[in-house]
Amino acid sequence: MRIGGVKLNHLVREVPRINTGIIDELIEGGIPIGSIILIKGNPKSGKSLFINQILYNQLRQGVPIIGILADEPKEEFLQNTREFGWDFLRYGDKVRLVDIFSKRIRKKSVWEEDPIITNPYDILEFMSIIKDITLEFILKQDQPYIAGWVSSINSLFFGMEKSLVYEFFNNLKDLAKRAKQVWFVEMNSNTEVPDVEAAINAIADGIIELKLTEEDKTLERYLRVYGMRRTIHSSTWVPFEITKRGIVLKN
């Protein structure tokens, strides 16, 4: 296919992407840099594991990451990821975590050098911290891009104005494009706030959906690329399993 005399598949190949180590064959080799990607699905479908695995793959390639932990304390995050052999602590200066959860329950963070949060319900403060960390990475480390994630949009809903949630993600999307970042945002689908889900769906550059089903008394997991800008892909559900190495697609 040609557009203005240029082959479309040539244009796709020229899009700078990050490899996920999981679904690259489904999305033209990776996720376009400058994107905010929504990872959604029902509880226990593997959303957090999917994101953690991609982010750890980035760390192993020398890419700095930023994380907002909204639904679990940092100790729990580190423990859960170590079960798959992913030691985030070994990449100390390339990992910056904003532990909102611990701040909300007034629990001391295990990393003294973490950004100080004065108000765990102030999304604008989160955005300011992310920008500061981004600038720090850009000034100190020569990297082609930065990766980040928000562990749970649902947890951000509580105690916050919806308009501020929208503003936060619009600002995050703008920052991702300007600073060559890729952000992953986790969300439980079929929430009690469908208008928020619809708004985040519209803001996201890509949507990857996971689901957990019971077939013949056996639990089965599937994922699909619901949509991704600047990418040719199928929206077919693909089965996967969770192994000791993380998520692996089934043939």
C-alpha atoms as a PDB file:
ATOM      1  CA  MET A   1       0.000   0.000   0.000  1.00  0.00           C
ATOM      2  CA  ARG A   2       1.258   3.479  -0.894  1.00  0.00           C
ATOM      3  CA  ILE A   3       0.525   6.926   0.534  1.00  0.00           C
ATOM      4  CA  GLY A   4       1.918   9.826  -1.442  1.00  0.00           C
ATOM      5  CA  GLY A   5       4.211   7.495  -3.341  1.00  0.00           C
ATOM      6  CA  VAL A   6       5.678   5.969  -0.131  1.00  0.00           C
ATOM      7  CA  LYS A   7       5.092   2.374   0.919  1.00  0.00           C
ATOM      8  CA  LEU A   8       3.071   2.150   4.129  1.00  0.00           C
ATOM      9  CA  ASN A   9       5.126  -0.741   5.526  1.00  0.00           C
ATOM     10  CA  HIS A  10       8.248   1.401   5.102  1.00  0.00           C
ATOM     11  CA  LEU A  11       6.654   4.111   7.247  1.00  0.00           C
ATOM     12  CA  VAL A  12       5.824   1.568   9.935  1.00  0.00           C
ATOM     13  CA  ARG A  13       9.388   0.308  10.077  1.00  0.00           C
ATOM     14  CA  GLU A  14      10.661   3.848  10.588  1.00  0.00           C
ATOM     15  CA  VAL A  15       8.625   4.342  13.779  1.00  0.00           C
ATOM     16  CA  PRO A  16      11.025   4.123  16.783  1.00  0.00           C
ATOM     17  CA  ARG A  17       9.781   1.438  19.156  1.00  0.00           C
ATOM     18  CA  ILE A  18      10.614  -0.307  22.416  1.00  0.00           C
ATOM     19  CA  ASN A  19      10.611  -4.079  22.517  1.00  0.00           C
ATOM     20  CA  THR A  20       8.385  -5.708  25.136  1.00  0.00           C
ATOM     21  CA  GLY A  21       9.897  -9.180  25.151  1.00  0.00           C
ATOM     22  CA  ILE A  22       6.331 -10.549  25.144  1.00  0.00           C
ATOM     23  CA  ILE A  23       4.153  -9.358  22.273  1.00  0.00           C
ATOM     24  CA  ASP A  24       6.620  -7.818  19.813  1.00  0.00           C
ATOM     25  CA  GLU A  25       5.591 -10.155  17.004  1.00  0.00           C
ATOM     26  CA  LEU A  26       2.026  -8.873  17.353  1.00  0.00           C
ATOM     27  CA  ILE A  27       2.862  -5.162  17.138  1.00  0.00           C
ATOM     28  CA  GLU A  28       5.415  -4.641  14.367  1.00  0.00           C
ATOM     29  CA  GLY A  29       8.368  -5.220  16.685  1.00  0.00           C
ATOM     30  CA  GLY A  30       7.392  -3.091  19.689  1.00  0.00           C
ATOM     31  CA  ILE A  31       5.523  -0.121  21.147  1.00  0.00           C
ATOM     32  CA  PRO A  32       6.041   3.294  19.497  1.00  0.00           C
ATOM     33  CA  ILE A  33       8.109   5.683  21.599  1.00  0.00           C
ATOM     34  CA  GLY A  34       6.057   8.656  22.717  1.00  0.00           C
ATOM     35  CA  SER A  35       3.020   6.571  23.695  1.00  0.00           C
ATOM     36  CA  ILE A  36       0.835   6.073  26.727  1.00  0.00           C
ATOM     37  CA  ILE A  37      -0.466   2.484  26.775  1.00  0.00           C
ATOM     38  CA  LEU A  38      -3.491   1.343  28.768  1.00  0.00           C
ATOM     39  CA  ILE A  39      -3.261  -2.211  30.129  1.00  0.00           C
ATOM     40  CA  LYS A  40      -6.742  -3.249  31.225  1.00  0.00           C
ATOM     41  CA  GLY A  41      -8.643  -6.381  32.146  1.00  0.00           C
ATOM     42  CA  ASN A  42     -10.399  -8.220  34.926  1.00  0.00           C
ATOM     43  CA  PRO A  43      -8.682  -8.791  38.303  1.00  0.00           C
ATOM     44  CA  LYS A  44      -5.972 -11.508  38.438  1.00  0.00           C
ATOM     45  CA  SER A  45      -5.691 -11.583  34.639  1.00  0.00           C
ATOM     46  CA  GLY A  46      -1.973 -10.745  34.770  1.00  0.00           C
ATOM     47  CA  LYS A  47      -1.930  -6.987  34.155  1.00  0.00           C
ATOM     48  CA  SER A  48       0.666  -6.076  36.801  1.00  0.00           C
ATOM     49  CA  LEU A  49       2.897  -8.979  35.799  1.00  0.00           C
ATOM     50  CA  PHE A  50       2.679  -7.964  32.140  1.00  0.00           C
ATOM     51  CA  ILE A  51       3.828  -4.412  32.914  1.00  0.00           C
ATOM     52  CA  ASN A  52       6.519  -5.437  35.418  1.00  0.00           C
ATOM     53  CA  GLN A  53       8.002  -7.895  32.931  1.00  0.00           C
ATOM     54  CA  ILE A  54       8.229  -5.245  30.201  1.00  0.00           C
ATOM     55  CA  LEU A  55       9.761  -2.683  32.557  1.00  0.00           C
ATOM     56  CA  TYR A  56      12.363  -5.138  33.825  1.00  0.00           C
ATOM     57  CA  ASN A  57      13.265  -5.984  30.236  1.00  0.00           C
ATOM     58  CA  GLN A  58      13.847  -2.261  29.704  1.00  0.00           C
ATOM     59  CA  LEU A  59      16.086  -2.024  32.776  1.00  0.00           C
ATOM     60  CA  ARG A  60      18.234  -4.885  31.519  1.00  0.00           C
ATOM     61  CA  GLN A  61      18.778  -2.864  28.350  1.00  0.00           C
ATOM     62  CA  GLY A  62      19.907   0.150  30.377  1.00  0.00           C
ATOM     63  CA  VAL A  63      16.676   2.138  30.097  1.00  0.00           C
ATOM     64  CA  PRO A  64      15.718   4.199  33.182  1.00  0.00           C
ATOM     65  CA  ILE A  65      12.182   3.734  34.527  1.00  0.00           C
ATOM     66  CA  ILE A  66       9.736   5.723  36.639  1.00  0.00           C
ATOM     67  CA  GLY A  67       6.937   4.065  38.595  1.00  0.00           C
ATOM     68  CA  ILE A  68       3.888   5.281  40.498  1.00  0.00           C
ATOM     69  CA  LEU A  69       2.830   2.633  43.027  1.00  0.00           C
ATOM     70  CA  ALA A  70      -0.790   3.377  43.811  1.00  0.00           C
ATOM     71  CA  ASP A  71      -2.115  -0.010  44.930  1.00  0.00           C
ATOM     72  CA  GLU A  72       0.726  -1.710  46.806  1.00  0.00           C
ATOM     73  CA  PRO A  73       3.616  -0.724  49.095  1.00  0.00           C
ATOM     74  CA  LYS A  74       7.116  -0.789  47.716  1.00  0.00           C
ATOM     75  CA  GLU A  75       8.128  -3.775  49.830  1.00  0.00           C
ATOM     76  CA  GLU A  76       5.320  -5.841  48.334  1.00  0.00           C
ATOM     77  CA  PHE A  77       6.201  -4.754  44.804  1.00  0.00           C
ATOM     78  CA  LEU A  78       9.848  -5.760  45.285  1.00  0.00           C
ATOM     79  CA  GLN A  79       8.868  -9.096  46.831  1.00  0.00           C
ATOM     80  CA  ASN A  80       6.407  -9.971  44.052  1.00  0.00           C
ATOM     81  CA  THR A  81       8.876  -9.180  41.282  1.00  0.00           C
ATOM     82  CA  ARG A  82      11.714 -11.126  42.934  1.00  0.00           C
ATOM     83  CA  GLU A  83       9.565 -14.263  42.677  1.00  0.00           C
ATOM     84  CA  PHE A  84      10.182 -14.117  38.926  1.00  0.00           C
ATOM     85  CA  GLY A  85      13.878 -13.358  39.315  1.00  0.00           C
ATOM     86  CA  TRP A  86      13.479  -9.635  38.681  1.00  0.00           C
ATOM     87  CA  ASP A  87      15.632  -7.677  41.109  1.00  0.00           C
ATOM     88  CA  PHE A  88      14.747  -4.013  40.564  1.00  0.00           C
ATOM     89  CA  LEU A  89      17.018  -2.942  43.432  1.00  0.00           C
ATOM     90  CA  ARG A  90      20.171  -3.862  41.537  1.00  0.00           C
ATOM     91  CA  TYR A  91      19.419  -1.019  39.073  1.00  0.00           C
ATOM     92  CA  GLY A  92      19.201   1.556  41.877  1.00  0.00           C
ATOM     93  CA  ASP A  93      19.988   4.828  40.088  1.00  0.00           C
ATOM     94  CA  LYS A  94      17.917   3.865  37.041  1.00  0.00           C
ATOM     95  CA  VAL A  95      14.759   3.136  39.049  1.00  0.00           C
ATOM     96  CA  ARG A  96      12.675   5.874  40.667  1.00  0.00           C
ATOM     97  CA  LEU A  97       9.454   4.870  42.399  1.00  0.00           C
ATOM     98  CA  VAL A  98       6.773   7.205  43.712  1.00  0.00           C
ATOM     99  CA  ASP A  99       5.205   5.187  46.532  1.00  0.00           C
ATOM    100  CA  ILE A 100       1.761   6.734  46.887  1.00  0.00           C
ATOM    101  CA  PHE A 101       0.339   3.690  48.644  1.00  0.00           C
ATOM    102  CA  SER A 102       2.759   3.794  51.579  1.00  0.00           C
ATOM    103  CA  LYS A 103       2.182   7.514  51.990  1.00  0.00           C
ATOM    104  CA  ARG A 104      -1.575   6.983  52.189  1.00  0.00           C
ATOM    105  CA  ILE A 105      -1.267   4.408  54.963  1.00  0.00           C
ATOM    106  CA  ARG A 106       1.487   6.469  56.624  1.00  0.00           C
ATOM    107  CA  LYS A 107       4.102   3.781  56.250  1.00  0.00           C
ATOM    108  CA  LYS A 108       7.770   4.680  55.829  1.00  0.00           C
ATOM    109  CA  SER A 109       9.306   3.963  52.441  1.00  0.00           C
ATOM    110  CA  VAL A 110      12.172   1.463  52.217  1.00  0.00           C
ATOM    111  CA  TRP A 111      14.078   3.748  49.850  1.00  0.00           C
ATOM    112  CA  GLU A 112      15.166   6.919  51.586  1.00  0.00           C
ATOM    113  CA  GLU A 113      16.129   8.611  48.323  1.00  0.00           C
ATOM    114  CA  ASP A 114      12.619   8.382  46.874  1.00  0.00           C
ATOM    115  CA  PRO A 115      10.760  11.573  45.928  1.00  0.00           C
ATOM    116  CA  ILE A 116       9.054  13.134  48.937  1.00  0.00           C
ATOM    117  CA  ILE A 117       5.265  13.313  48.586  1.00  0.00           C
ATOM    118  CA  THR A 118       3.522  15.903  50.714  1.00  0.00           C
ATOM    119  CA  ASN A 119      -0.020  15.028  49.637  1.00  0.00           C
ATOM    120  CA  PRO A 120      -0.811  11.473  48.400  1.00  0.00           C
ATOM    121  CA  TYR A 121      -4.069  12.744  46.860  1.00  0.00           C
ATOM    122  CA  ASP A 122      -2.500  15.520  44.803  1.00  0.00           C
ATOM    123  CA  ILE A 123      -2.196  14.323  41.199  1.00  0.00           C
ATOM    124  CA  LEU A 124      -0.605  17.589  40.119  1.00  0.00           C
ATOM    125  CA  GLU A 125       2.204  16.912  42.596  1.00  0.00           C
ATOM    126  CA  PHE A 126       2.718  13.480  41.020  1.00  0.00           C
ATOM    127  CA  MET A 127       3.052  15.127  37.617  1.00  0.00           C
ATOM    128  CA  SER A 128       5.576  17.610  38.964  1.00  0.00           C
ATOM    129  CA  ILE A 129       7.647  14.774  40.466  1.00  0.00           C
ATOM    130  CA  ILE A 130       7.564  12.839  37.191  1.00  0.00           C
ATOM    131  CA  LYS A 131       8.807  15.892  35.291  1.00  0.00           C
ATOM    132  CA  ASP A 132      11.619  16.417  37.801  1.00  0.00           C
ATOM    133  CA  ILE A 133      12.728  12.782  37.539  1.00  0.00           C
ATOM    134  CA  THR A 134      12.519  12.943  33.748  1.00  0.00           C
ATOM    135  CA  LEU A 135      14.775  15.991  33.684  1.00  0.00           C
ATOM    136  CA  GLU A 136      17.185  14.262  36.062  1.00  0.00           C
ATOM    137  CA  PHE A 137      17.419  11.220  33.797  1.00  0.00           C
ATOM    138  CA  ILE A 138      17.863  13.349  30.695  1.00  0.00           C
ATOM    139  CA  LEU A 139      20.676  15.372  32.270  1.00  0.00           C
ATOM    140  CA  LYS A 140      22.552  12.458  33.863  1.00  0.00           C
ATOM    141  CA  GLN A 141      22.024   9.558  31.488  1.00  0.00           C
ATOM    142  CA  ASP A 142      22.326   9.310  27.741  1.00  0.00           C
ATOM    143  CA  GLN A 143      19.320   7.170  26.869  1.00  0.00           C
ATOM    144  CA  PRO A 144      17.116   7.184  23.760  1.00  0.00           C
ATOM    145  CA  TYR A 145      13.937   7.011  25.843  1.00  0.00           C
ATOM    146  CA  ILE A 146      12.435   6.579  29.327  1.00  0.00           C
ATOM    147  CA  ALA A 147       9.773   4.062  30.396  1.00  0.00           C
ATOM    148  CA  GLY A 148       7.249   4.372  33.217  1.00  0.00           C
ATOM    149  CA  TRP A 149       4.032   3.007  34.653  1.00  0.00           C
ATOM    150  CA  VAL A 150       1.106   3.726  36.948  1.00  0.00           C
ATOM    151  CA  SER A 151       0.276   0.575  38.892  1.00  0.00           C
ATOM    152  CA  SER A 152      -3.463   1.238  39.201  1.00  0.00           C
ATOM    153  CA  ILE A 153      -5.685   3.959  37.810  1.00  0.00           C
ATOM    154  CA  ASN A 154      -8.521   2.640  39.956  1.00  0.00           C
ATOM    155  CA  SER A 155      -6.613   3.491  43.127  1.00  0.00           C
ATOM    156  CA  LEU A 156      -6.147   7.055  41.896  1.00  0.00           C
ATOM    157  CA  PHE A 157      -9.909   7.567  41.629  1.00  0.00           C
ATOM    158  CA  PHE A 158     -10.446   7.508  45.362  1.00  0.00           C
ATOM    159  CA  GLY A 159     -10.389  10.931  46.981  1.00  0.00           C
ATOM    160  CA  MET A 160      -9.642  12.787  43.749  1.00  0.00           C
ATOM    161  CA  GLU A 161     -11.637  14.925  41.359  1.00  0.00           C
ATOM    162  CA  LYS A 162     -12.211  13.173  38.029  1.00  0.00           C
ATOM    163  CA  SER A 163     -11.254  16.330  36.161  1.00  0.00           C
ATOM    164  CA  LEU A 164      -7.811  16.201  37.800  1.00  0.00           C
ATOM    165  CA  VAL A 165      -7.415  12.546  36.813  1.00  0.00           C
ATOM    166  CA  TYR A 166      -8.117  13.494  33.187  1.00  0.00           C
ATOM    167  CA  GLU A 167      -5.710  16.421  33.414  1.00  0.00           C
ATOM    168  CA  PHE A 168      -2.996  14.181  34.852  1.00  0.00           C
ATOM    169  CA  PHE A 169      -3.185  11.679  32.001  1.00  0.00           C
ATOM    170  CA  ASN A 170      -3.394  14.359  29.332  1.00  0.00           C
ATOM    171  CA  ASN A 171      -0.246  15.934  30.802  1.00  0.00           C
ATOM    172  CA  LEU A 172       1.416  12.522  31.002  1.00  0.00           C
ATOM    173  CA  LYS A 173       0.605  11.875  27.342  1.00  0.00           C
ATOM    174  CA  ASP A 174       2.058  15.231  26.353  1.00  0.00           C
ATOM    175  CA  LEU A 175       5.232  14.550  28.366  1.00  0.00           C
ATOM    176  CA  ALA A 176       5.609  11.089  26.801  1.00  0.00           C
ATOM    177  CA  LYS A 177       5.640  12.595  23.334  1.00  0.00           C
ATOM    178  CA  ARG A 178       7.954  15.508  24.142  1.00  0.00           C
ATOM    179  CA  ALA A 179      10.464  13.571  26.290  1.00  0.00           C
ATOM    180  CA  LYS A 180      10.498  10.302  24.289  1.00  0.00           C
ATOM    181  CA  GLN A 181       8.820   8.209  26.943  1.00  0.00           C
ATOM    182  CA  VAL A 182       6.552   5.168  26.962  1.00  0.00           C
ATOM    183  CA  TRP A 183       4.069   4.946  29.830  1.00  0.00           C
ATOM    184  CA  PHE A 184       1.987   1.935  30.860  1.00  0.00           C
ATOM    185  CA  VAL A 185      -1.190   2.516  32.830  1.00  0.00           C
ATOM    186  CA  GLU A 186      -2.977  -0.342  34.601  1.00  0.00           C
ATOM    187  CA  MET A 187      -6.739  -0.435  35.011  1.00  0.00           C
ATOM    188  CA  ASN A 188      -9.386  -2.929  36.096  1.00  0.00           C
ATOM    189  CA  SER A 189     -12.023  -2.963  33.364  1.00  0.00           C
ATOM    190  CA  ASN A 190     -15.772  -2.939  34.007  1.00  0.00           C
ATOM    191  CA  THR A 191     -15.322  -0.457  36.834  1.00  0.00           C
ATOM    192  CA  GLU A 192     -18.037   1.444  38.650  1.00  0.00           C
ATOM    193  CA  VAL A 193     -16.836   4.580  36.871  1.00  0.00           C
ATOM    194  CA  PRO A 194     -17.405   3.794  33.159  1.00  0.00           C
ATOM    195  CA  ASP A 195     -17.069   7.441  32.185  1.00  0.00           C
ATOM    196  CA  VAL A 196     -13.516   7.479  33.548  1.00  0.00           C
ATOM    197  CA  GLU A 197     -12.668   4.273  31.689  1.00  0.00           C
ATOM    198  CA  ALA A 198     -14.067   5.731  28.464  1.00  0.00           C
ATOM    199  CA  ALA A 199     -12.018   8.896  28.919  1.00  0.00           C
ATOM    200  CA  ILE A 200      -8.774   6.983  29.539  1.00  0.00           C
ATOM    201  CA  ASN A 201      -9.522   4.771  26.526  1.00  0.00           C
ATOM    202  CA  ALA A 202      -9.725   7.905  24.396  1.00  0.00           C
ATOM    203  CA  ILE A 203      -6.528   9.416  25.841  1.00  0.00           C
ATOM    204  CA  ALA A 204      -4.402   6.268  25.422  1.00  0.00           C
ATOM    205  CA  ASP A 205      -2.297   5.764  22.307  1.00  0.00           C
ATOM    206  CA  GLY A 206      -2.680   2.032  22.680  1.00  0.00           C
ATOM    207  CA  ILE A 207      -4.848  -0.451  24.566  1.00  0.00           C
ATOM    208  CA  ILE A 208      -3.828  -3.980  25.494  1.00  0.00           C
ATOM    209  CA  GLU A 209      -6.512  -6.084  27.136  1.00  0.00           C
ATOM    210  CA  LEU A 210      -6.066  -9.196  29.279  1.00  0.00           C
ATOM    211  CA  LYS A 211      -8.728 -11.586  30.514  1.00  0.00           C
ATOM    212  CA  LEU A 212      -9.051 -14.591  32.787  1.00  0.00           C
ATOM    213  CA  THR A 213     -11.712 -17.164  31.933  1.00  0.00           C
ATOM    214  CA  GLU A 214     -12.772 -20.590  33.199  1.00  0.00           C
ATOM    215  CA  GLU A 215     -13.131 -23.234  30.505  1.00  0.00           C
ATOM    216  CA  ASP A 216     -14.063 -26.796  31.463  1.00  0.00           C
ATOM    217  CA  LYS A 217     -13.135 -25.994  35.076  1.00  0.00           C
ATOM    218  CA  THR A 218      -9.703 -24.814  33.930  1.00  0.00           C
ATOM    219  CA  LEU A 219      -8.506 -21.223  34.195  1.00  0.00           C
ATOM    220  CA  GLU A 220      -7.279 -19.783  30.900  1.00  0.00           C
ATOM    221  CA  ARG A 221      -5.644 -16.415  30.202  1.00  0.00           C
ATOM    222  CA  TYR A 222      -5.770 -14.405  26.986  1.00  0.00           C
ATOM    223  CA  LEU A 223      -4.559 -11.051  25.731  1.00  0.00           C
ATOM    224  CA  ARG A 224      -5.142  -8.935  22.662  1.00  0.00           C
ATOM    225  CA  VAL A 225      -3.952  -5.653  21.215  1.00  0.00           C
ATOM    226  CA  TYR A 226      -7.234  -3.772  21.201  1.00  0.00           C
ATOM    227  CA  GLY A 227      -5.675  -0.813  19.426  1.00  0.00           C
ATOM    228  CA  MET A 228      -2.307   0.899  18.955  1.00  0.00           C
ATOM    229  CA  ARG A 229      -1.549   4.004  16.962  1.00  0.00           C
ATOM    230  CA  ARG A 230       1.161   3.891  14.293  1.00  0.00           C
ATOM    231  CA  THR A 231       1.002   0.092  14.365  1.00  0.00           C
ATOM    232  CA  ILE A 232      -0.462  -2.604  12.153  1.00  0.00           C
ATOM    233  CA  HIS A 233      -1.773  -5.406  14.352  1.00  0.00           C
ATOM    234  CA  SER A 234      -4.433  -8.038  14.812  1.00  0.00           C
ATOM    235  CA  SER A 235      -7.089  -7.762  17.518  1.00  0.00           C
ATOM    236  CA  THR A 236      -7.359 -11.534  17.910  1.00  0.00           C
ATOM    237  CA  TRP A 237      -7.271 -12.960  21.434  1.00  0.00           C
ATOM    238  CA  VAL A 238      -3.990 -14.814  22.041  1.00  0.00           C
ATOM    239  CA  PRO A 239      -3.654 -17.387  24.849  1.00  0.00           C
ATOM    240  CA  PHE A 240      -0.778 -17.073  27.313  1.00  0.00           C
ATOM    241  CA  GLU A 241       0.497 -18.702  30.460  1.00  0.00           C
ATOM    242  CA  ILE A 242       2.319 -17.498  33.541  1.00  0.00           C
ATOM    243  CA  THR A 243       5.582 -19.359  34.095  1.00  0.00           C
ATOM    244  CA  LYS A 244       8.533 -18.903  36.420  1.00  0.00           C
ATOM    245  CA  ARG A 245       9.970 -16.584  33.751  1.00  0.00           C
ATOM    246  CA  GLY A 246       6.830 -14.515  33.543  1.00  0.00           C
ATOM    247  CA  ILE A 247       4.243 -14.287  30.753  1.00  0.00           C
ATOM    248  CA  VAL A 248       4.767 -16.515  27.718  1.00  0.00           C
ATOM    249  CA  LEU A 249       2.448 -16.599  24.711  1.00  0.00           C
ATOM    250  CA  LYS A 250       1.144 -20.008  23.692  1.00  0.00           C
ATOM    251  CA  ASN A 251       1.650 -21.219  20.124  1.00  0.00           C
END
